[in-house]
Amino acid sequence: MEDILIRLWNNLIGRLSGPMNFRLIVQPAVATILAVLAGLRDAREGRPAFFWAALTNPVHRGMAFKEIRKDVGKVFLIATVLDSIYQLIVHRGVYFGELIITATLLAIVPYILIRGPVNRIARRKPVQEVSRRMKAS
């Protein structure tokens, strides 16, 4: 078991300098943009902070997972495909556990971390007024 964890850690760190490492910047950036847009939409619709509502309220939990699947599903899928290609090039095989960890870190984690705070910031009155003025222009 320890050998597996050491290999996993070394392989994950190897992605930072290996081929196709530009995806490690692009995919979280796309997930962040999607999270900002969703957070602004949540603020306009008066919805609670995304992740907190999903954790504490079972009614919001189902809706939250549907929205994650809709918003980040394509980014997650692209992350899995690109990591599969990376693994085939570097390791001559695909390690499913590493694939899921990498795709989750690149697509879902940034989305969850950004969406709620954007909602809270956007709900502040001065920010909403600036947003309305920009739309009116």
N, C-alpha and C. Protein backbone atom coordinates (compact mmCIF):
# COMPACT_ATOMS: atom_id res chain seq x y z
N MET A 1 0.83 -1.20 0.00
CA MET A 1 0.00 0.00 0.00
C MET A 1 0.87 1.26 0.00
N GLU A 2 1.94 1.22 0.77
CA GLU A 2 2.83 2.38 0.84
C GLU A 2 3.47 2.66 -0.52
N ASP A 3 3.81 1.59 -1.24
CA ASP A 3 4.39 1.75 -2.58
C ASP A 3 3.41 2.44 -3.52
N ILE A 4 2.14 2.09 -3.41
CA ILE A 4 1.12 2.71 -4.27
C ILE A 4 1.01 4.20 -3.97
N LEU A 5 1.00 4.55 -2.70
CA LEU A 5 0.90 5.97 -2.32
C LEU A 5 2.13 6.76 -2.77
N ILE A 6 3.29 6.17 -2.66
CA ILE A 6 4.52 6.85 -3.11
C ILE A 6 4.48 7.05 -4.62
N ARG A 7 4.09 6.01 -5.37
CA ARG A 7 3.97 6.14 -6.83
C ARG A 7 2.95 7.19 -7.20
N LEU A 8 1.80 7.17 -6.50
CA LEU A 8 0.74 8.15 -6.76
C LEU A 8 1.28 9.57 -6.55
N TRP A 9 1.92 9.81 -5.44
CA TRP A 9 2.46 11.14 -5.14
C TRP A 9 3.49 11.55 -6.19
N ASN A 10 4.42 10.67 -6.51
CA ASN A 10 5.45 11.00 -7.50
C ASN A 10 4.85 11.27 -8.88
N ASN A 11 3.85 10.49 -9.26
CA ASN A 11 3.21 10.71 -10.55
C ASN A 11 2.42 12.02 -10.58
N LEU A 12 1.76 12.35 -9.48
CA LEU A 12 1.02 13.62 -9.44
C LEU A 12 1.97 14.81 -9.51
N ILE A 13 3.08 14.74 -8.80
CA ILE A 13 4.07 15.82 -8.84
C ILE A 13 4.72 15.90 -10.22
N GLY A 14 4.91 14.77 -10.88
CA GLY A 14 5.52 14.74 -12.21
C GLY A 14 4.70 15.47 -13.26
N ARG A 15 3.41 15.63 -13.02
CA ARG A 15 2.56 16.34 -13.98
C ARG A 15 2.92 17.83 -14.07
N LEU A 16 3.54 18.36 -13.04
CA LEU A 16 3.87 19.79 -13.03
C LEU A 16 4.90 20.15 -14.09
N SER A 17 5.79 19.24 -14.40
CA SER A 17 6.84 19.57 -15.36
C SER A 17 6.82 18.68 -16.60
N GLY A 18 5.89 17.78 -16.67
CA GLY A 18 5.84 16.86 -17.80
C GLY A 18 5.18 17.47 -19.02
N PRO A 19 4.95 16.63 -20.03
CA PRO A 19 4.28 17.12 -21.23
C PRO A 19 2.85 17.53 -20.91
N MET A 20 2.34 18.45 -21.66
CA MET A 20 0.96 18.93 -21.53
C MET A 20 0.70 19.63 -20.20
N ASN A 21 1.73 20.21 -19.58
CA ASN A 21 1.53 20.83 -18.27
C ASN A 21 0.76 22.16 -18.36
N PHE A 22 0.58 22.70 -19.54
CA PHE A 22 -0.20 23.94 -19.70
C PHE A 22 -1.66 23.74 -19.29
N ARG A 23 -2.15 22.52 -19.40
CA ARG A 23 -3.53 22.21 -18.99
C ARG A 23 -3.74 22.43 -17.51
N LEU A 24 -2.65 22.38 -16.73
CA LEU A 24 -2.75 22.59 -15.29
C LEU A 24 -3.09 24.04 -14.95
N ILE A 25 -2.95 24.93 -15.94
CA ILE A 25 -3.33 26.33 -15.77
C ILE A 25 -4.68 26.58 -16.44
N VAL A 26 -4.86 26.06 -17.63
CA VAL A 26 -6.06 26.35 -18.42
C VAL A 26 -7.31 25.75 -17.79
N GLN A 27 -7.26 24.50 -17.38
CA GLN A 27 -8.47 23.86 -16.87
C GLN A 27 -8.99 24.48 -15.57
N PRO A 28 -8.13 24.76 -14.58
CA PRO A 28 -8.65 25.47 -13.40
C PRO A 28 -9.15 26.87 -13.74
N ALA A 29 -8.53 27.52 -14.73
CA ALA A 29 -8.98 28.86 -15.12
C ALA A 29 -10.38 28.79 -15.72
N VAL A 30 -10.65 27.80 -16.55
CA VAL A 30 -11.98 27.63 -17.13
C VAL A 30 -12.99 27.32 -16.03
N ALA A 31 -12.64 26.43 -15.11
CA ALA A 31 -13.54 26.11 -13.99
C ALA A 31 -13.81 27.35 -13.14
N THR A 32 -12.80 28.19 -12.97
CA THR A 32 -12.97 29.42 -12.19
C THR A 32 -13.92 30.38 -12.90
N ILE A 33 -13.76 30.53 -14.19
CA ILE A 33 -14.66 31.41 -14.96
C ILE A 33 -16.10 30.91 -14.85
N LEU A 34 -16.30 29.61 -14.99
CA LEU A 34 -17.64 29.04 -14.85
C LEU A 34 -18.19 29.27 -13.45
N ALA A 35 -17.34 29.17 -12.44
CA ALA A 35 -17.77 29.39 -11.05
C ALA A 35 -18.15 30.84 -10.81
N VAL A 36 -17.40 31.77 -11.39
CA VAL A 36 -17.73 33.19 -11.24
C VAL A 36 -19.09 33.48 -11.87
N LEU A 37 -19.30 32.97 -13.06
CA LEU A 37 -20.59 33.18 -13.73
C LEU A 37 -21.74 32.58 -12.92
N ALA A 38 -21.53 31.38 -12.40
CA ALA A 38 -22.58 30.73 -11.60
C ALA A 38 -22.80 31.47 -10.28
N GLY A 39 -21.73 31.95 -9.66
CA GLY A 39 -21.86 32.71 -8.42
C GLY A 39 -22.62 34.01 -8.62
N LEU A 40 -22.36 34.68 -9.73
CA LEU A 40 -23.10 35.91 -10.04
C LEU A 40 -24.58 35.59 -10.30
N ARG A 41 -24.83 34.48 -10.98
CA ARG A 41 -26.21 34.05 -11.22
C ARG A 41 -26.91 33.74 -9.90
N ASP A 42 -26.21 33.07 -8.99
CA ASP A 42 -26.77 32.78 -7.67
C ASP A 42 -27.12 34.05 -6.92
N ALA A 43 -26.24 35.04 -6.99
CA ALA A 43 -26.48 36.31 -6.29
C ALA A 43 -27.70 37.02 -6.87
N ARG A 44 -27.82 37.03 -8.21
CA ARG A 44 -28.98 37.67 -8.85
C ARG A 44 -30.28 36.99 -8.44
N GLU A 45 -30.24 35.66 -8.30
CA GLU A 45 -31.45 34.90 -7.97
C GLU A 45 -31.68 34.78 -6.47
N GLY A 46 -30.77 35.35 -5.66
CA GLY A 46 -30.93 35.33 -4.22
C GLY A 46 -30.71 33.97 -3.58
N ARG A 47 -29.94 33.11 -4.22
CA ARG A 47 -29.68 31.79 -3.67
C ARG A 47 -28.57 31.85 -2.63
N PRO A 48 -28.55 30.90 -1.68
CA PRO A 48 -27.49 30.89 -0.66
C PRO A 48 -26.16 30.47 -1.26
N ALA A 49 -25.10 30.64 -0.47
CA ALA A 49 -23.76 30.24 -0.90
C ALA A 49 -23.78 28.76 -1.30
N PHE A 50 -23.20 28.46 -2.41
CA PHE A 50 -23.34 27.17 -3.08
C PHE A 50 -22.91 25.98 -2.22
N PHE A 51 -21.66 25.91 -1.84
CA PHE A 51 -21.13 24.73 -1.17
C PHE A 51 -21.73 24.58 0.22
N TRP A 52 -21.87 25.68 0.95
CA TRP A 52 -22.43 25.62 2.28
C TRP A 52 -23.88 25.12 2.24
N ALA A 53 -24.65 25.61 1.31
CA ALA A 53 -26.04 25.16 1.18
C ALA A 53 -26.10 23.67 0.84
N ALA A 54 -25.18 23.21 0.01
CA ALA A 54 -25.17 21.79 -0.36
C ALA A 54 -24.80 20.91 0.83
N LEU A 55 -23.92 21.41 1.69
CA LEU A 55 -23.51 20.63 2.85
C LEU A 55 -24.58 20.59 3.94
N THR A 56 -25.25 21.70 4.16
CA THR A 56 -26.14 21.81 5.31
C THR A 56 -27.61 21.56 5.00
N ASN A 57 -28.02 21.66 3.76
CA ASN A 57 -29.43 21.54 3.44
C ASN A 57 -29.63 20.45 2.38
N PRO A 58 -30.27 19.35 2.76
CA PRO A 58 -30.47 18.25 1.80
C PRO A 58 -31.27 18.65 0.56
N VAL A 59 -32.13 19.64 0.70
CA VAL A 59 -32.91 20.10 -0.46
C VAL A 59 -31.99 20.69 -1.52
N HIS A 60 -31.00 21.47 -1.08
CA HIS A 60 -30.06 22.10 -2.02
C HIS A 60 -29.02 21.11 -2.55
N ARG A 61 -28.81 20.01 -1.85
CA ARG A 61 -27.75 19.07 -2.22
C ARG A 61 -27.97 18.49 -3.61
N GLY A 62 -29.16 18.02 -3.89
CA GLY A 62 -29.44 17.44 -5.21
C GLY A 62 -29.29 18.46 -6.31
N MET A 63 -29.80 19.67 -6.07
CA MET A 63 -29.69 20.73 -7.06
C MET A 63 -28.22 21.10 -7.28
N ALA A 64 -27.44 21.11 -6.20
CA ALA A 64 -26.03 21.48 -6.30
C ALA A 64 -25.27 20.50 -7.18
N PHE A 65 -25.50 19.22 -6.99
CA PHE A 65 -24.80 18.22 -7.80
C PHE A 65 -25.21 18.29 -9.26
N LYS A 66 -26.47 18.58 -9.53
CA LYS A 66 -26.91 18.74 -10.92
C LYS A 66 -26.21 19.94 -11.55
N GLU A 67 -26.09 21.04 -10.80
CA GLU A 67 -25.44 22.22 -11.35
C GLU A 67 -23.96 22.00 -11.56
N ILE A 68 -23.31 21.29 -10.65
CA ILE A 68 -21.89 20.98 -10.85
C ILE A 68 -21.73 20.15 -12.11
N ARG A 69 -22.57 19.14 -12.25
CA ARG A 69 -22.49 18.27 -13.43
C ARG A 69 -22.70 19.08 -14.71
N LYS A 70 -23.66 20.00 -14.67
CA LYS A 70 -23.95 20.80 -15.86
C LYS A 70 -22.83 21.80 -16.15
N ASP A 71 -22.39 22.52 -15.12
CA ASP A 71 -21.39 23.57 -15.32
C ASP A 71 -19.98 23.04 -15.56
N VAL A 72 -19.57 22.05 -14.79
CA VAL A 72 -18.18 21.61 -14.82
C VAL A 72 -18.01 20.26 -15.50
N GLY A 73 -19.10 19.65 -15.89
CA GLY A 73 -19.03 18.32 -16.50
C GLY A 73 -18.11 18.26 -17.70
N LYS A 74 -18.21 19.24 -18.58
CA LYS A 74 -17.37 19.23 -19.79
C LYS A 74 -15.90 19.46 -19.44
N VAL A 75 -15.65 20.37 -18.50
CA VAL A 75 -14.26 20.62 -18.08
C VAL A 75 -13.68 19.37 -17.43
N PHE A 76 -14.49 18.70 -16.61
CA PHE A 76 -14.05 17.46 -15.96
C PHE A 76 -13.77 16.38 -17.00
N LEU A 77 -14.64 16.26 -17.98
CA LEU A 77 -14.45 15.27 -19.05
C LEU A 77 -13.16 15.56 -19.83
N ILE A 78 -12.95 16.81 -20.18
CA ILE A 78 -11.73 17.18 -20.90
C ILE A 78 -10.51 16.90 -20.04
N ALA A 79 -10.60 17.17 -18.73
CA ALA A 79 -9.48 16.89 -17.83
C ALA A 79 -9.17 15.40 -17.79
N THR A 80 -10.19 14.56 -17.79
CA THR A 80 -9.94 13.12 -17.77
C THR A 80 -9.32 12.64 -19.09
N VAL A 81 -9.81 13.17 -20.19
CA VAL A 81 -9.25 12.77 -21.49
C VAL A 81 -7.79 13.21 -21.61
N LEU A 82 -7.52 14.46 -21.26
CA LEU A 82 -6.14 14.95 -21.36
C LEU A 82 -5.20 14.22 -20.40
N ASP A 83 -5.69 13.92 -19.20
CA ASP A 83 -4.82 13.19 -18.27
C ASP A 83 -4.61 11.75 -18.74
N SER A 84 -5.61 11.17 -19.38
CA SER A 84 -5.42 9.83 -19.96
C SER A 84 -4.33 9.86 -21.03
N ILE A 85 -4.38 10.86 -21.88
CA ILE A 85 -3.35 11.01 -22.92
C ILE A 85 -1.98 11.20 -22.30
N TYR A 86 -1.92 12.08 -21.27
CA TYR A 86 -0.65 12.30 -20.56
C TYR A 86 -0.12 10.99 -20.00
N GLN A 87 -0.98 10.23 -19.33
CA GLN A 87 -0.53 8.98 -18.72
C GLN A 87 -0.07 7.97 -19.76
N LEU A 88 -0.77 7.92 -20.90
CA LEU A 88 -0.34 7.00 -21.94
C LEU A 88 1.02 7.39 -22.50
N ILE A 89 1.28 8.69 -22.62
CA ILE A 89 2.57 9.15 -23.13
C ILE A 89 3.68 8.86 -22.12
N VAL A 90 3.44 9.20 -20.86
CA VAL A 90 4.49 9.11 -19.85
C VAL A 90 4.61 7.72 -19.24
N HIS A 91 3.49 7.10 -18.88
CA HIS A 91 3.51 5.84 -18.13
C HIS A 91 3.18 4.62 -18.98
N ARG A 92 2.77 4.83 -20.22
CA ARG A 92 2.40 3.74 -21.13
C ARG A 92 1.20 2.93 -20.59
N GLY A 93 0.38 3.59 -19.80
CA GLY A 93 -0.82 2.98 -19.24
C GLY A 93 -1.61 4.05 -18.52
N VAL A 94 -2.82 3.70 -18.07
CA VAL A 94 -3.67 4.67 -17.39
C VAL A 94 -3.96 4.17 -15.99
N TYR A 95 -3.68 5.00 -15.01
CA TYR A 95 -3.99 4.73 -13.62
C TYR A 95 -5.27 5.49 -13.29
N PHE A 96 -6.36 4.74 -13.09
CA PHE A 96 -7.67 5.34 -12.92
C PHE A 96 -7.74 6.25 -11.69
N GLY A 97 -7.16 5.84 -10.60
CA GLY A 97 -7.18 6.65 -9.37
C GLY A 97 -6.53 8.01 -9.58
N GLU A 98 -5.36 8.01 -10.22
CA GLU A 98 -4.67 9.26 -10.52
C GLU A 98 -5.49 10.12 -11.46
N LEU A 99 -6.14 9.48 -12.40
CA LEU A 99 -6.97 10.19 -13.37
C LEU A 99 -8.10 10.94 -12.67
N ILE A 100 -8.79 10.28 -11.77
CA ILE A 100 -9.90 10.91 -11.06
C ILE A 100 -9.40 12.01 -10.13
N ILE A 101 -8.30 11.77 -9.43
CA ILE A 101 -7.74 12.79 -8.54
C ILE A 101 -7.35 14.03 -9.32
N THR A 102 -6.64 13.84 -10.43
CA THR A 102 -6.18 14.97 -11.24
C THR A 102 -7.36 15.75 -11.82
N ALA A 103 -8.32 15.05 -12.39
CA ALA A 103 -9.48 15.73 -12.99
C ALA A 103 -10.28 16.48 -11.92
N THR A 104 -10.43 15.90 -10.75
CA THR A 104 -11.15 16.56 -9.67
C THR A 104 -10.41 17.82 -9.22
N LEU A 105 -9.10 17.72 -9.06
CA LEU A 105 -8.31 18.89 -8.64
C LEU A 105 -8.33 20.00 -9.69
N LEU A 106 -8.38 19.64 -10.95
CA LEU A 106 -8.33 20.65 -12.01
C LEU A 106 -9.68 21.27 -12.32
N ALA A 107 -10.77 20.54 -12.11
CA ALA A 107 -12.08 21.04 -12.54
C ALA A 107 -13.03 21.32 -11.39
N ILE A 108 -13.20 20.40 -10.49
CA ILE A 108 -14.25 20.54 -9.49
C ILE A 108 -13.82 21.38 -8.30
N VAL A 109 -12.61 21.18 -7.81
CA VAL A 109 -12.15 21.92 -6.62
C VAL A 109 -12.15 23.43 -6.85
N PRO A 110 -11.58 23.93 -7.96
CA PRO A 110 -11.63 25.39 -8.15
C PRO A 110 -13.06 25.92 -8.24
N TYR A 111 -13.94 25.16 -8.88
CA TYR A 111 -15.33 25.57 -9.03
C TYR A 111 -15.99 25.72 -7.66
N ILE A 112 -15.84 24.71 -6.82
CA ILE A 112 -16.47 24.73 -5.50
C ILE A 112 -15.89 25.84 -4.63
N LEU A 113 -14.58 26.05 -4.70
CA LEU A 113 -13.94 27.06 -3.86
C LEU A 113 -14.29 28.49 -4.27
N ILE A 114 -14.61 28.73 -5.53
CA ILE A 114 -14.84 30.08 -6.04
C ILE A 114 -16.31 30.48 -6.04
N ARG A 115 -17.20 29.59 -6.35
CA ARG A 115 -18.60 29.95 -6.58
C ARG A 115 -19.26 30.61 -5.36
N GLY A 116 -19.12 30.06 -4.18
CA GLY A 116 -19.75 30.61 -2.99
C GLY A 116 -19.25 32.01 -2.64
N PRO A 117 -17.92 32.21 -2.57
CA PRO A 117 -17.43 33.56 -2.26
C PRO A 117 -17.85 34.61 -3.30
N VAL A 118 -17.91 34.23 -4.58
CA VAL A 118 -18.36 35.17 -5.60
C VAL A 118 -19.81 35.57 -5.33
N ASN A 119 -20.63 34.61 -4.95
CA ASN A 119 -22.02 34.88 -4.61
C ASN A 119 -22.08 35.89 -3.46
N ARG A 120 -21.33 35.64 -2.41
CA ARG A 120 -21.35 36.53 -1.25
C ARG A 120 -20.86 37.93 -1.59
N ILE A 121 -19.82 38.02 -2.36
CA ILE A 121 -19.28 39.34 -2.75
C ILE A 121 -20.28 40.07 -3.62
N ALA A 122 -20.89 39.34 -4.56
CA ALA A 122 -21.84 39.97 -5.49
C ALA A 122 -23.12 40.42 -4.79
N ARG A 123 -23.45 39.83 -3.67
CA ARG A 123 -24.67 40.21 -2.95
C ARG A 123 -24.52 41.53 -2.20
N ARG A 124 -23.31 41.98 -2.05
CA ARG A 124 -23.10 43.28 -1.39
C ARG A 124 -23.71 44.35 -2.27
N LYS A 125 -24.37 45.28 -1.66
CA LYS A 125 -25.14 46.29 -2.40
C LYS A 125 -24.29 47.12 -3.37
N PRO A 126 -23.13 47.67 -2.97
CA PRO A 126 -22.36 48.48 -3.93
C PRO A 126 -21.97 47.71 -5.18
N VAL A 127 -21.64 46.44 -5.04
CA VAL A 127 -21.25 45.64 -6.19
C VAL A 127 -22.45 45.43 -7.11
N GLN A 128 -23.64 45.20 -6.53
CA GLN A 128 -24.83 45.01 -7.33
C GLN A 128 -25.18 46.28 -8.10
N GLU A 129 -25.00 47.44 -7.48
CA GLU A 129 -25.30 48.69 -8.17
C GLU A 129 -24.37 48.88 -9.37
N VAL A 130 -23.10 48.57 -9.19
CA VAL A 130 -22.15 48.68 -10.30
C VAL A 130 -22.54 47.72 -11.41
N SER A 131 -22.94 46.50 -11.05
CA SER A 131 -23.37 45.52 -12.04
C SER A 131 -24.59 46.01 -12.82
N ARG A 132 -25.56 46.60 -12.13
CA ARG A 132 -26.75 47.12 -12.81
C ARG A 132 -26.39 48.26 -13.75
N ARG A 133 -25.49 49.12 -13.33
CA ARG A 133 -25.09 50.24 -14.18
C ARG A 133 -24.38 49.74 -15.43
N MET A 134 -23.58 48.67 -15.27
CA MET A 134 -22.87 48.13 -16.43
C MET A 134 -23.86 47.52 -17.43
N LYS A 135 -24.91 46.86 -16.92
CA LYS A 135 -25.91 46.26 -17.80
C LYS A 135 -26.72 47.34 -18.50
N ALA A 136 -26.98 48.44 -17.81
CA ALA A 136 -27.78 49.52 -18.38
C ALA A 136 -27.05 50.24 -19.50
N SER A 137 -25.73 50.22 -19.46
CA SER A 137 -24.94 50.93 -20.47
C SER A 137 -24.97 50.24 -21.79
